[in-house]
Amino acid sequence: MAQSTLVTESTLTDRFQTTVPSVVRQALHLNKKDKIKFEIQPNGNVMLSRVESPKSDPVVESFLAFVANDMQKHPEKVQPLTASMRDRVELLIAGTELDLDAPLLDEDE
């Protein structure tokens, strides 16, 4: 089955801005404030795609909501980080190396 191609145009303003045509917005399911990506091909063609928002972690979201709620209910318990607290953390992590670019082991994924 052949796929149809949609062709549309948009005009640049004096400030090099343009409006994404409605058919493109609909095809990419774009909403206000969404991000779009331009990928320039070696032949000069440009691919336009929707930038997917990073997926949120429901466990982290729940924890952060819990912390925010607790801080609002008990603001008197919120304390600044002291020098001794910082020193304690530095002692706890001393000698620990972390490479954020290292691949995960199979058992860690």
Protein backbone atom coordinates (compact mmCIF):
# COMPACT_ATOMS: atom_id res chain seq x y z
CA MET A 1 0.00 0.00 0.00
CA ALA A 2 1.48 3.35 -1.02
CA GLN A 3 1.68 6.07 1.57
CA SER A 4 0.46 9.52 0.64
CA THR A 5 2.69 12.52 1.09
CA LEU A 6 1.36 15.77 2.44
CA VAL A 7 2.96 18.92 1.08
CA THR A 8 2.38 22.32 2.64
CA GLU A 9 4.16 25.65 2.84
CA SER A 10 4.88 28.34 5.40
CA THR A 11 6.39 31.82 4.96
CA LEU A 12 9.26 33.31 6.96
CA THR A 13 8.67 36.69 8.54
CA ASP A 14 11.23 39.51 8.53
CA ARG A 15 12.49 38.04 11.84
CA PHE A 16 12.89 34.55 10.31
CA GLN A 17 9.88 33.21 12.22
CA THR A 18 7.13 31.06 10.79
CA THR A 19 3.87 29.40 11.77
CA VAL A 20 3.72 25.63 11.69
CA PRO A 21 0.78 24.89 9.38
CA SER A 22 -2.25 23.35 11.08
CA VAL A 23 -2.04 20.13 9.05
CA VAL A 24 1.54 19.64 10.30
CA ARG A 25 0.53 20.43 13.90
CA GLN A 26 -2.28 17.88 13.63
CA ALA A 27 -0.09 15.23 12.02
CA LEU A 28 2.56 15.59 14.75
CA HIS A 29 -0.02 16.05 17.54
CA LEU A 30 1.59 19.36 18.53
CA ASN A 31 0.20 21.60 21.23
CA LYS A 32 1.23 25.03 22.48
CA LYS A 33 4.68 25.03 24.11
CA ASP A 34 5.61 21.65 22.56
CA LYS A 35 9.10 21.41 21.14
CA ILE A 36 9.96 20.47 17.59
CA LYS A 37 13.23 19.11 16.22
CA PHE A 38 14.79 19.97 12.87
CA GLU A 39 17.08 17.31 11.43
CA ILE A 40 19.06 18.47 8.40
CA GLN A 41 19.81 15.62 5.99
CA PRO A 42 23.03 15.48 3.91
CA ASN A 43 20.99 16.21 0.77
CA GLY A 44 19.65 19.45 2.29
CA ASN A 45 16.19 18.14 3.16
CA VAL A 46 14.95 18.90 6.64
CA MET A 47 13.03 16.44 8.79
CA LEU A 48 10.66 18.02 11.30
CA SER A 49 9.53 15.95 14.26
CA ARG A 50 7.92 16.36 17.65
CA VAL A 51 10.28 16.22 20.64
CA GLU A 52 8.87 13.70 23.07
CA SER A 53 8.72 14.80 26.68
CA PRO A 54 10.75 12.64 29.00
CA LYS A 55 8.63 10.07 30.77
CA SER A 56 8.13 10.82 34.43
CA ASP A 57 8.75 8.19 37.08
CA PRO A 58 5.56 7.73 39.14
CA VAL A 59 7.56 6.65 42.20
CA VAL A 60 9.76 9.75 42.07
CA GLU A 61 6.72 11.96 41.38
CA SER A 62 4.90 10.47 44.39
CA PHE A 63 7.92 10.93 46.62
CA LEU A 64 8.41 14.55 45.55
CA ALA A 65 4.71 15.25 46.10
CA PHE A 66 5.00 13.71 49.58
CA VAL A 67 8.04 15.87 50.41
CA ALA A 68 6.38 19.04 49.08
CA ASN A 69 3.20 18.31 51.04
CA ASP A 70 5.18 17.62 54.23
CA MET A 71 7.15 20.86 53.81
CA GLN A 72 3.92 22.82 53.44
CA LYS A 73 2.36 21.19 56.50
CA HIS A 74 5.48 21.52 58.67
CA PRO A 75 7.56 24.48 57.47
CA GLU A 76 9.11 24.76 60.92
CA LYS A 77 10.97 21.49 60.30
CA VAL A 78 12.70 22.76 57.14
CA GLN A 79 16.32 23.54 57.97
CA PRO A 80 19.20 24.88 55.92
CA LEU A 81 22.04 22.54 55.07
CA THR A 82 24.74 23.14 57.64
CA ALA A 83 28.49 22.81 57.14
CA SER A 84 28.56 19.79 59.44
CA MET A 85 25.79 18.09 57.40
CA ARG A 86 27.75 18.74 54.21
CA ASP A 87 30.92 17.37 55.80
CA ARG A 88 29.04 14.22 56.90
CA VAL A 89 27.79 13.63 53.35
CA GLU A 90 31.30 14.11 51.97
CA LEU A 91 32.58 11.49 54.43
CA LEU A 92 29.86 9.07 53.39
CA ILE A 93 30.69 9.33 49.68
CA ALA A 94 34.48 9.65 50.00
CA GLY A 95 36.24 7.34 47.55
CA THR A 96 33.08 6.69 45.55
CA GLU A 97 33.52 7.05 41.80
CA LEU A 98 30.63 7.55 39.44
CA ASP A 99 30.71 7.47 35.66
CA LEU A 100 27.34 8.64 34.36
CA ASP A 101 28.36 7.62 30.82
CA ALA A 102 29.22 4.03 31.73
CA PRO A 103 26.77 1.43 30.40
CA LEU A 104 24.58 -0.34 32.94
CA LEU A 105 25.26 -3.95 33.70
CA ASP A 106 22.52 -6.39 32.65
CA GLU A 107 21.51 -6.95 36.28
CA ASP A 108 21.21 -3.18 36.85
CA GLU A 109 18.72 -2.54 34.04
